[in-house]
Amino acid sequence: MYLRVASIAFTAFLALSAQEQAPPPANPPPDKPEAKEGWKKSDDFIVPAGTKVPLSMINSISTKTASDGERIYLETVFPILANGHIVIPPGSYVAGTVTDVKRPGRMHGRGELYIRFDSLTLPNGVTRDFRARMGSLDGNAPETLDKSEGKIKSEGNKSGDLKTIGETAGAGAGIGGLAGAAAGHAGMGAGIGAAAGATAGLIGVLVSRGPEAVLTKGTTMEMVLDRQLQFTGTEIDFGGPMQRSPTSGGPQPSRKSQSGYPGRRWPILE
């Protein structure tokens, strides 16, 4: 009886010892990527107020056709970072509004556009609303930007007006000279013709409008944030590499083309 009790006790002792000395798991779970990178998806990423965000126009607008309240659409062309991570990647969408339009006058004045930026949408659909202004405009664009008022102004056309008057005066002088020569008064005819041509040119300048203010597709500019934008790590998780959709086109001169008949097909001479 004594031996049997001792055997049972010894067996129980061995079982308890085996449980206390159980080996740890062979393959411990790996560390999460967020921990290795020093941030968690619950962390906040802040883009401060005053940050300049480069944009490119997706559509085109002009003082000739635009109206108050018309929407404009743009996309970001350079990544914006916070805490060493891309918060606003290229290809994010920005929507804006035309708040005021002024067409160029017939005798003086320039075309004017007032634009306000309203919202930002990241590639994963996360959206932020704001009221941002334009900080700079493409240096190749003929338009100019009044930063104090956020006003885009068309180029002046004084040189074009003088050219028009000079060309019509020259043409009038030539016609008048020919007519005067036939009547025996070539000099007088040329003078009268030049005066008539200059008058016609001046009238043409007075009844025509100056260049319109135009922002064409592909025109680049900078948006200045009026407030900070705050995102969580989950909101800037884009789930893989992102590629910016190419934007074609570029800033085009506002003045009328002098190239004749664009798009016309001429017959092939053999």
C-alpha atoms as a PDB file:
ATOM      1  CA  MET A   1       0.000   0.000   0.000  1.00  0.00           C
ATOM      2  CA  TYR A   2       2.793   2.404   0.894  1.00  0.00           C
ATOM      3  CA  LEU A   3       4.603   1.723  -2.401  1.00  0.00           C
ATOM      4  CA  ARG A   4       1.458   2.362  -4.405  1.00  0.00           C
ATOM      5  CA  VAL A   5       0.865   5.761  -2.796  1.00  0.00           C
ATOM      6  CA  ALA A   6       4.495   6.754  -3.374  1.00  0.00           C
ATOM      7  CA  SER A   7       4.259   5.752  -7.045  1.00  0.00           C
ATOM      8  CA  ILE A   8       1.151   7.896  -7.576  1.00  0.00           C
ATOM      9  CA  ALA A   9       2.786  10.896  -5.887  1.00  0.00           C
ATOM     10  CA  PHE A  10       5.946  10.540  -7.961  1.00  0.00           C
ATOM     11  CA  THR A  11       3.892  10.414 -11.195  1.00  0.00           C
ATOM     12  CA  ALA A  12       1.988  13.583 -10.254  1.00  0.00           C
ATOM     13  CA  PHE A  13       5.288  15.360  -9.458  1.00  0.00           C
ATOM     14  CA  LEU A  14       6.669  14.535 -12.898  1.00  0.00           C
ATOM     15  CA  ALA A  15       3.497  15.835 -14.622  1.00  0.00           C
ATOM     16  CA  LEU A  16       3.652  19.159 -12.768  1.00  0.00           C
ATOM     17  CA  SER A  17       7.343  19.582 -13.576  1.00  0.00           C
ATOM     18  CA  ALA A  18       6.651  19.001 -17.305  1.00  0.00           C
ATOM     19  CA  GLN A  19       3.953  21.675 -17.329  1.00  0.00           C
ATOM     20  CA  GLU A  20       6.158  24.236 -15.575  1.00  0.00           C
ATOM     21  CA  GLN A  21       9.059  23.663 -17.983  1.00  0.00           C
ATOM     22  CA  ALA A  22       7.047  23.761 -21.242  1.00  0.00           C
ATOM     23  CA  PRO A  23       9.257  25.263 -24.023  1.00  0.00           C
ATOM     24  CA  PRO A  24       8.240  28.628 -25.621  1.00  0.00           C
ATOM     25  CA  PRO A  25       6.657  28.660 -29.116  1.00  0.00           C
ATOM     26  CA  ALA A  26       9.149  27.765 -31.846  1.00  0.00           C
ATOM     27  CA  ASN A  27       8.180  30.692 -34.137  1.00  0.00           C
ATOM     28  CA  PRO A  28       7.317  33.915 -32.234  1.00  0.00           C
ATOM     29  CA  PRO A  29       5.019  36.316 -34.168  1.00  0.00           C
ATOM     30  CA  PRO A  30       6.997  38.899 -36.154  1.00  0.00           C
ATOM     31  CA  ASP A  31       6.894  42.569 -35.249  1.00  0.00           C
ATOM     32  CA  LYS A  32       4.316  44.665 -37.074  1.00  0.00           C
ATOM     33  CA  PRO A  33       5.652  46.911 -39.855  1.00  0.00           C
ATOM     34  CA  GLU A  34       4.242  49.970 -38.116  1.00  0.00           C
ATOM     35  CA  ALA A  35       6.385  49.296 -35.048  1.00  0.00           C
ATOM     36  CA  LYS A  36       9.533  48.935 -37.154  1.00  0.00           C
ATOM     37  CA  GLU A  37       8.847  52.206 -38.977  1.00  0.00           C
ATOM     38  CA  GLY A  38       8.279  54.071 -35.728  1.00  0.00           C
ATOM     39  CA  TRP A  39       4.615  54.950 -36.246  1.00  0.00           C
ATOM     40  CA  LYS A  40       1.205  53.424 -35.775  1.00  0.00           C
ATOM     41  CA  LYS A  41      -1.944  53.721 -37.800  1.00  0.00           C
ATOM     42  CA  SER A  42      -3.456  55.666 -34.939  1.00  0.00           C
ATOM     43  CA  ASP A  43      -0.775  58.382 -35.183  1.00  0.00           C
ATOM     44  CA  ASP A  44      -1.712  61.800 -36.551  1.00  0.00           C
ATOM     45  CA  PHE A  45       0.021  63.441 -39.507  1.00  0.00           C
ATOM     46  CA  ILE A  46      -0.398  67.207 -39.847  1.00  0.00           C
ATOM     47  CA  VAL A  47       0.122  69.390 -42.932  1.00  0.00           C
ATOM     48  CA  PRO A  48       0.441  72.923 -41.467  1.00  0.00           C
ATOM     49  CA  ALA A  49      -1.392  76.014 -42.659  1.00  0.00           C
ATOM     50  CA  GLY A  50       0.597  77.961 -45.251  1.00  0.00           C
ATOM     51  CA  THR A  51       1.872  74.804 -46.984  1.00  0.00           C
ATOM     52  CA  LYS A  52       2.196  75.279 -50.751  1.00  0.00           C
ATOM     53  CA  VAL A  53       0.757  72.432 -52.827  1.00  0.00           C
ATOM     54  CA  PRO A  54       1.734  72.337 -56.550  1.00  0.00           C
ATOM     55  CA  LEU A  55      -1.258  71.728 -58.831  1.00  0.00           C
ATOM     56  CA  SER A  56      -1.994  71.207 -62.516  1.00  0.00           C
ATOM     57  CA  MET A  57      -5.238  72.111 -64.294  1.00  0.00           C
ATOM     58  CA  ILE A  58      -7.367  69.196 -65.523  1.00  0.00           C
ATOM     59  CA  ASN A  59      -9.916  71.341 -67.371  1.00  0.00           C
ATOM     60  CA  SER A  60      -9.625  74.799 -68.962  1.00  0.00           C
ATOM     61  CA  ILE A  61     -11.379  78.058 -68.092  1.00  0.00           C
ATOM     62  CA  SER A  62     -11.563  81.479 -69.748  1.00  0.00           C
ATOM     63  CA  THR A  63     -13.160  84.821 -68.970  1.00  0.00           C
ATOM     64  CA  LYS A  64     -14.942  84.462 -72.321  1.00  0.00           C
ATOM     65  CA  THR A  65     -17.013  81.472 -71.203  1.00  0.00           C
ATOM     66  CA  ALA A  66     -16.651  81.173 -67.410  1.00  0.00           C
ATOM     67  CA  SER A  67     -19.304  82.352 -64.955  1.00  0.00           C
ATOM     68  CA  ASP A  68     -19.523  82.851 -61.207  1.00  0.00           C
ATOM     69  CA  GLY A  69     -19.769  79.542 -59.370  1.00  0.00           C
ATOM     70  CA  GLU A  70     -18.236  77.473 -62.162  1.00  0.00           C
ATOM     71  CA  ARG A  71     -16.160  74.538 -60.925  1.00  0.00           C
ATOM     72  CA  ILE A  72     -12.518  73.918 -61.798  1.00  0.00           C
ATOM     73  CA  TYR A  73     -10.629  70.649 -61.371  1.00  0.00           C
ATOM     74  CA  LEU A  74      -6.947  70.122 -60.658  1.00  0.00           C
ATOM     75  CA  GLU A  75      -4.528  67.442 -59.446  1.00  0.00           C
ATOM     76  CA  THR A  76      -1.425  67.532 -57.284  1.00  0.00           C
ATOM     77  CA  VAL A  77       1.900  67.053 -59.088  1.00  0.00           C
ATOM     78  CA  PHE A  78       4.352  66.724 -56.175  1.00  0.00           C
ATOM     79  CA  PRO A  79       4.144  64.749 -52.899  1.00  0.00           C
ATOM     80  CA  ILE A  80       3.535  66.560 -49.610  1.00  0.00           C
ATOM     81  CA  LEU A  81       5.142  64.890 -46.565  1.00  0.00           C
ATOM     82  CA  ALA A  82       4.524  64.916 -42.802  1.00  0.00           C
ATOM     83  CA  ASN A  83       6.658  63.069 -40.245  1.00  0.00           C
ATOM     84  CA  GLY A  84       8.648  61.526 -43.077  1.00  0.00           C
ATOM     85  CA  HIS A  85       5.599  59.970 -44.760  1.00  0.00           C
ATOM     86  CA  ILE A  86       3.717  60.953 -47.926  1.00  0.00           C
ATOM     87  CA  VAL A  87       0.420  62.462 -46.825  1.00  0.00           C
ATOM     88  CA  ILE A  88      -0.742  64.062 -50.096  1.00  0.00           C
ATOM     89  CA  PRO A  89       0.599  61.968 -53.010  1.00  0.00           C
ATOM     90  CA  PRO A  90       0.773  63.106 -56.644  1.00  0.00           C
ATOM     91  CA  GLY A  91      -2.494  62.481 -58.429  1.00  0.00           C
ATOM     92  CA  SER A  92      -4.694  63.656 -55.543  1.00  0.00           C
ATOM     93  CA  TYR A  93      -7.642  65.713 -56.740  1.00  0.00           C
ATOM     94  CA  VAL A  94      -8.436  69.334 -55.860  1.00  0.00           C
ATOM     95  CA  ALA A  95     -11.730  71.051 -56.664  1.00  0.00           C
ATOM     96  CA  GLY A  96     -12.146  74.816 -56.868  1.00  0.00           C
ATOM     97  CA  THR A  97     -14.676  77.503 -57.724  1.00  0.00           C
ATOM     98  CA  VAL A  98     -14.632  80.590 -59.930  1.00  0.00           C
ATOM     99  CA  THR A  99     -15.883  83.303 -57.580  1.00  0.00           C
ATOM    100  CA  ASP A 100     -15.824  86.283 -59.978  1.00  0.00           C
ATOM    101  CA  VAL A 101     -15.280  86.918 -63.689  1.00  0.00           C
ATOM    102  CA  LYS A 102     -14.536  90.171 -65.515  1.00  0.00           C
ATOM    103  CA  ARG A 103     -14.145  90.264 -69.286  1.00  0.00           C
ATOM    104  CA  PRO A 104     -11.600  92.644 -70.869  1.00  0.00           C
ATOM    105  CA  GLY A 105     -12.986  96.005 -71.980  1.00  0.00           C
ATOM    106  CA  ARG A 106     -13.170  97.319 -75.511  1.00  0.00           C
ATOM    107  CA  MET A 107     -11.149 100.449 -74.801  1.00  0.00           C
ATOM    108  CA  HIS A 108      -9.208  99.563 -71.666  1.00  0.00           C
ATOM    109  CA  GLY A 109      -8.991  97.005 -68.873  1.00  0.00           C
ATOM    110  CA  ARG A 110      -7.964  93.369 -68.724  1.00  0.00           C
ATOM    111  CA  GLY A 111      -9.782  90.107 -68.232  1.00  0.00           C
ATOM    112  CA  GLU A 112      -9.872  88.998 -64.583  1.00  0.00           C
ATOM    113  CA  LEU A 113     -10.572  85.687 -62.845  1.00  0.00           C
ATOM    114  CA  TYR A 114     -10.973  85.046 -59.124  1.00  0.00           C
ATOM    115  CA  ILE A 115     -10.459  81.434 -58.026  1.00  0.00           C
ATOM    116  CA  ARG A 116     -10.912  79.661 -54.689  1.00  0.00           C
ATOM    117  CA  PHE A 117      -9.836  76.103 -53.836  1.00  0.00           C
ATOM    118  CA  ASP A 118     -12.433  74.131 -51.854  1.00  0.00           C
ATOM    119  CA  SER A 119     -11.492  70.488 -51.281  1.00  0.00           C
ATOM    120  CA  LEU A 120      -8.799  67.810 -51.541  1.00  0.00           C
ATOM    121  CA  THR A 121      -9.455  64.124 -52.290  1.00  0.00           C
ATOM    122  CA  LEU A 122      -6.672  61.572 -51.792  1.00  0.00           C
ATOM    123  CA  PRO A 123      -6.357  58.542 -54.124  1.00  0.00           C
ATOM    124  CA  ASN A 124      -8.028  56.324 -51.485  1.00  0.00           C
ATOM    125  CA  GLY A 125     -11.074  58.609 -51.288  1.00  0.00           C
ATOM    126  CA  VAL A 126     -10.233  60.483 -48.058  1.00  0.00           C
ATOM    127  CA  THR A 127     -11.463  64.093 -48.424  1.00  0.00           C
ATOM    128  CA  ARG A 128     -10.760  67.362 -46.649  1.00  0.00           C
ATOM    129  CA  ASP A 129     -12.604  70.671 -47.121  1.00  0.00           C
ATOM    130  CA  PHE A 130     -10.967  74.100 -46.835  1.00  0.00           C
ATOM    131  CA  ARG A 131     -10.864  77.552 -48.435  1.00  0.00           C
ATOM    132  CA  ALA A 132      -7.411  77.932 -49.968  1.00  0.00           C
ATOM    133  CA  ARG A 133      -6.024  80.589 -52.286  1.00  0.00           C
ATOM    134  CA  MET A 134      -3.594  80.643 -55.190  1.00  0.00           C
ATOM    135  CA  GLY A 135       0.007  81.419 -54.236  1.00  0.00           C
ATOM    136  CA  SER A 136       1.738  81.451 -57.633  1.00  0.00           C
ATOM    137  CA  LEU A 137       1.032  80.894 -61.316  1.00  0.00           C
ATOM    138  CA  ASP A 138       2.945  79.134 -64.087  1.00  0.00           C
ATOM    139  CA  GLY A 139       5.806  81.377 -65.224  1.00  0.00           C
ATOM    140  CA  ASN A 140       5.157  80.458 -68.870  1.00  0.00           C
ATOM    141  CA  ALA A 141       1.552  81.652 -68.760  1.00  0.00           C
ATOM    142  CA  PRO A 142       0.902  85.129 -70.233  1.00  0.00           C
ATOM    143  CA  GLU A 143      -1.523  85.903 -67.407  1.00  0.00           C
ATOM    144  CA  THR A 144      -0.363  87.543 -64.176  1.00  0.00           C
ATOM    145  CA  LEU A 145      -1.407  86.877 -60.570  1.00  0.00           C
ATOM    146  CA  ASP A 146      -2.247  89.548 -58.017  1.00  0.00           C
ATOM    147  CA  LYS A 147      -1.341  87.635 -54.829  1.00  0.00           C
ATOM    148  CA  SER A 148      -2.903  90.193 -52.497  1.00  0.00           C
ATOM    149  CA  GLU A 149      -6.355  89.672 -54.031  1.00  0.00           C
ATOM    150  CA  GLY A 150      -5.973  86.227 -55.599  1.00  0.00           C
ATOM    151  CA  LYS A 151      -6.830  87.757 -58.966  1.00  0.00           C
ATOM    152  CA  ILE A 152      -5.635  86.400 -62.332  1.00  0.00           C
ATOM    153  CA  LYS A 153      -5.324  89.126 -64.982  1.00  0.00           C
ATOM    154  CA  SER A 154      -4.944  88.714 -68.730  1.00  0.00           C
ATOM    155  CA  GLU A 155      -2.012  90.231 -70.567  1.00  0.00           C
ATOM    156  CA  GLY A 156      -2.232  93.739 -72.019  1.00  0.00           C
ATOM    157  CA  ASN A 157      -2.478  94.272 -75.756  1.00  0.00           C
ATOM    158  CA  LYS A 158      -1.009  97.750 -76.342  1.00  0.00           C
ATOM    159  CA  SER A 159       1.610  96.445 -78.733  1.00  0.00           C
ATOM    160  CA  GLY A 160      -1.047  94.549 -80.671  1.00  0.00           C
ATOM    161  CA  ASP A 161      -3.239  97.647 -80.889  1.00  0.00           C
ATOM    162  CA  LEU A 162      -0.353  99.762 -82.209  1.00  0.00           C
ATOM    163  CA  LYS A 163       0.505  97.042 -84.698  1.00  0.00           C
ATOM    164  CA  THR A 164      -3.092  96.947 -85.954  1.00  0.00           C
ATOM    165  CA  ILE A 165      -3.204 100.742 -86.407  1.00  0.00           C
ATOM    166  CA  GLY A 166       0.196 100.752 -88.122  1.00  0.00           C
ATOM    167  CA  GLU A 167      -0.744  97.952 -90.525  1.00  0.00           C
ATOM    168  CA  THR A 168      -4.013  99.575 -91.540  1.00  0.00           C
ATOM    169  CA  ALA A 169      -2.284 102.937 -91.965  1.00  0.00           C
ATOM    170  CA  GLY A 170       0.380 101.365 -94.179  1.00  0.00           C
ATOM    171  CA  ALA A 171      -2.199  99.580 -96.278  1.00  0.00           C
ATOM    172  CA  GLY A 172      -4.200 102.816 -96.632  1.00  0.00           C
ATOM    173  CA  ALA A 173      -1.085 104.722 -97.672  1.00  0.00           C
ATOM    174  CA  GLY A 174      -0.312 102.167-100.351  1.00  0.00           C
ATOM    175  CA  ILE A 175      -3.816 102.248-101.796  1.00  0.00           C
ATOM    176  CA  GLY A 176      -3.965 106.054-101.567  1.00  0.00           C
ATOM    177  CA  GLY A 177      -0.589 106.377-103.264  1.00  0.00           C
ATOM    178  CA  LEU A 178      -1.706 104.267-106.199  1.00  0.00           C
ATOM    179  CA  ALA A 179      -4.908 106.215-106.542  1.00  0.00           C
ATOM    180  CA  GLY A 180      -3.082 109.562-106.250  1.00  0.00           C
ATOM    181  CA  ALA A 181      -0.485 108.522-108.819  1.00  0.00           C
ATOM    182  CA  ALA A 182      -3.234 107.779-111.292  1.00  0.00           C
ATOM    183  CA  ALA A 183      -4.606 111.298-110.693  1.00  0.00           C
ATOM    184  CA  GLY A 184      -1.169 112.936-110.737  1.00  0.00           C
ATOM    185  CA  HIS A 185      -1.000 113.542-106.949  1.00  0.00           C
ATOM    186  CA  ALA A 186       0.839 110.521-105.531  1.00  0.00           C
ATOM    187  CA  GLY A 187       2.042 112.227-102.324  1.00  0.00           C
ATOM    188  CA  MET A 188      -1.321 113.669-101.442  1.00  0.00           C
ATOM    189  CA  GLY A 189      -3.029 110.354-102.147  1.00  0.00           C
ATOM    190  CA  ALA A 190      -0.596 108.464 -99.905  1.00  0.00           C
ATOM    191  CA  GLY A 191      -1.179 110.890 -97.033  1.00  0.00           C
ATOM    192  CA  ILE A 192      -4.928 110.742 -97.334  1.00  0.00           C
ATOM    193  CA  GLY A 193      -4.794 106.944 -97.563  1.00  0.00           C
ATOM    194  CA  ALA A 194      -2.555 106.642 -94.499  1.00  0.00           C
ATOM    195  CA  ALA A 195      -4.884 108.832 -92.443  1.00  0.00           C
ATOM    196  CA  ALA A 196      -7.919 106.860 -93.532  1.00  0.00           C
ATOM    197  CA  GLY A 197      -6.167 103.555 -92.772  1.00  0.00           C
ATOM    198  CA  ALA A 198      -5.073 104.708 -89.321  1.00  0.00           C
ATOM    199  CA  THR A 199      -8.618 105.856 -88.551  1.00  0.00           C
ATOM    200  CA  ALA A 200     -10.014 102.488 -89.616  1.00  0.00           C
ATOM    201  CA  GLY A 201      -7.437 100.693 -87.500  1.00  0.00           C
ATOM    202  CA  LEU A 202      -8.237 102.825 -84.466  1.00  0.00           C
ATOM    203  CA  ILE A 203     -11.935 102.127 -84.845  1.00  0.00           C
ATOM    204  CA  GLY A 204     -11.197  98.413 -85.062  1.00  0.00           C
ATOM    205  CA  VAL A 205      -9.174  98.564 -81.844  1.00  0.00           C
ATOM    206  CA  LEU A 206     -11.902 100.472 -79.996  1.00  0.00           C
ATOM    207  CA  VAL A 207     -14.681  98.028 -80.900  1.00  0.00           C
ATOM    208  CA  SER A 208     -12.707  94.841 -80.155  1.00  0.00           C
ATOM    209  CA  ARG A 209     -11.988  93.384 -76.724  1.00  0.00           C
ATOM    210  CA  GLY A 210      -8.529  92.784 -75.351  1.00  0.00           C
ATOM    211  CA  PRO A 211      -7.080  89.309 -74.652  1.00  0.00           C
ATOM    212  CA  GLU A 212      -9.144  87.058 -72.396  1.00  0.00           C
ATOM    213  CA  ALA A 213      -7.711  85.610 -69.178  1.00  0.00           C
ATOM    214  CA  VAL A 214      -7.255  81.879 -69.802  1.00  0.00           C
ATOM    215  CA  LEU A 215      -6.095  78.951 -67.671  1.00  0.00           C
ATOM    216  CA  THR A 216      -5.574  76.043 -70.048  1.00  0.00           C
ATOM    217  CA  LYS A 217      -5.381  72.354 -69.251  1.00  0.00           C
ATOM    218  CA  GLY A 218      -1.936  71.560 -67.848  1.00  0.00           C
ATOM    219  CA  THR A 219      -1.289  75.059 -66.453  1.00  0.00           C
ATOM    220  CA  THR A 220       0.585  74.705 -63.160  1.00  0.00           C
ATOM    221  CA  MET A 221       0.104  76.787 -60.014  1.00  0.00           C
ATOM    222  CA  GLU A 222       0.537  76.615 -56.244  1.00  0.00           C
ATOM    223  CA  MET A 223      -2.268  76.357 -53.721  1.00  0.00           C
ATOM    224  CA  VAL A 224      -1.597  77.835 -50.253  1.00  0.00           C
ATOM    225  CA  LEU A 225      -3.503  76.074 -47.457  1.00  0.00           C
ATOM    226  CA  ASP A 226      -5.444  78.412 -45.172  1.00  0.00           C
ATOM    227  CA  ARG A 227      -5.626  75.850 -42.352  1.00  0.00           C
ATOM    228  CA  GLN A 228      -3.819  72.720 -41.206  1.00  0.00           C
ATOM    229  CA  LEU A 229      -4.900  69.337 -42.567  1.00  0.00           C
ATOM    230  CA  GLN A 230      -4.783  66.426 -40.134  1.00  0.00           C
ATOM    231  CA  PHE A 231      -4.760  62.764 -41.138  1.00  0.00           C
ATOM    232  CA  THR A 232      -4.454  59.478 -39.254  1.00  0.00           C
ATOM    233  CA  GLY A 233      -2.153  56.667 -40.309  1.00  0.00           C
ATOM    234  CA  THR A 234      -5.144  54.700 -41.584  1.00  0.00           C
ATOM    235  CA  GLU A 235      -6.235  57.606 -43.799  1.00  0.00           C
ATOM    236  CA  ILE A 236      -2.843  57.792 -45.519  1.00  0.00           C
ATOM    237  CA  ASP A 237      -2.600  54.017 -46.039  1.00  0.00           C
ATOM    238  CA  PHE A 238      -2.761  53.886 -49.822  1.00  0.00           C
ATOM    239  CA  GLY A 239      -2.246  50.126 -50.051  1.00  0.00           C
ATOM    240  CA  GLY A 240       0.537  50.020 -52.605  1.00  0.00           C
ATOM    241  CA  PRO A 241       2.502  52.095 -55.112  1.00  0.00           C
ATOM    242  CA  MET A 242       0.676  55.050 -56.612  1.00  0.00           C
ATOM    243  CA  GLN A 243       1.210  56.500 -60.040  1.00  0.00           C
ATOM    244  CA  ARG A 244       0.237  59.994 -61.076  1.00  0.00           C
ATOM    245  CA  SER A 245      -1.955  60.136 -64.137  1.00  0.00           C
ATOM    246  CA  PRO A 246      -0.190  62.184 -66.822  1.00  0.00           C
ATOM    247  CA  THR A 247      -1.563  65.605 -67.598  1.00  0.00           C
ATOM    248  CA  SER A 248      -1.228  66.724 -71.194  1.00  0.00           C
ATOM    249  CA  GLY A 249      -1.268  70.228 -72.515  1.00  0.00           C
ATOM    250  CA  GLY A 250       0.224  73.375 -71.075  1.00  0.00           C
ATOM    251  CA  PRO A 251      -0.186  77.107 -70.817  1.00  0.00           C
ATOM    252  CA  GLN A 252      -1.113  78.705 -74.105  1.00  0.00           C
ATOM    253  CA  PRO A 253      -0.939  82.389 -75.072  1.00  0.00           C
ATOM    254  CA  SER A 254      -4.152  84.339 -74.580  1.00  0.00           C
ATOM    255  CA  ARG A 255      -3.810  86.376 -77.755  1.00  0.00           C
ATOM    256  CA  LYS A 256      -5.485  85.178 -80.911  1.00  0.00           C
ATOM    257  CA  SER A 257      -3.472  82.820 -83.058  1.00  0.00           C
ATOM    258  CA  GLN A 258      -1.801  84.341 -86.090  1.00  0.00           C
ATOM    259  CA  SER A 259      -1.285  81.007 -87.832  1.00  0.00           C
ATOM    260  CA  GLY A 260      -4.197  81.287 -90.269  1.00  0.00           C
ATOM    261  CA  TYR A 261      -6.653  78.402 -90.292  1.00  0.00           C
ATOM    262  CA  PRO A 262      -5.809  75.826 -87.604  1.00  0.00           C
ATOM    263  CA  GLY A 263      -6.865  72.296 -88.349  1.00  0.00           C
ATOM    264  CA  ARG A 264      -7.551  72.928 -92.073  1.00  0.00           C
ATOM    265  CA  ARG A 265      -6.338  70.235 -94.432  1.00  0.00           C
ATOM    266  CA  TRP A 266      -4.680  71.467 -97.576  1.00  0.00           C
ATOM    267  CA  PRO A 267      -4.651  69.413-100.789  1.00  0.00           C
ATOM    268  CA  ILE A 268      -1.471  67.492-101.597  1.00  0.00           C
ATOM    269  CA  LEU A 269       0.172  68.692-104.757  1.00  0.00           C
ATOM    270  CA  GLU A 270       1.839  66.051-106.856  1.00  0.00           C
END
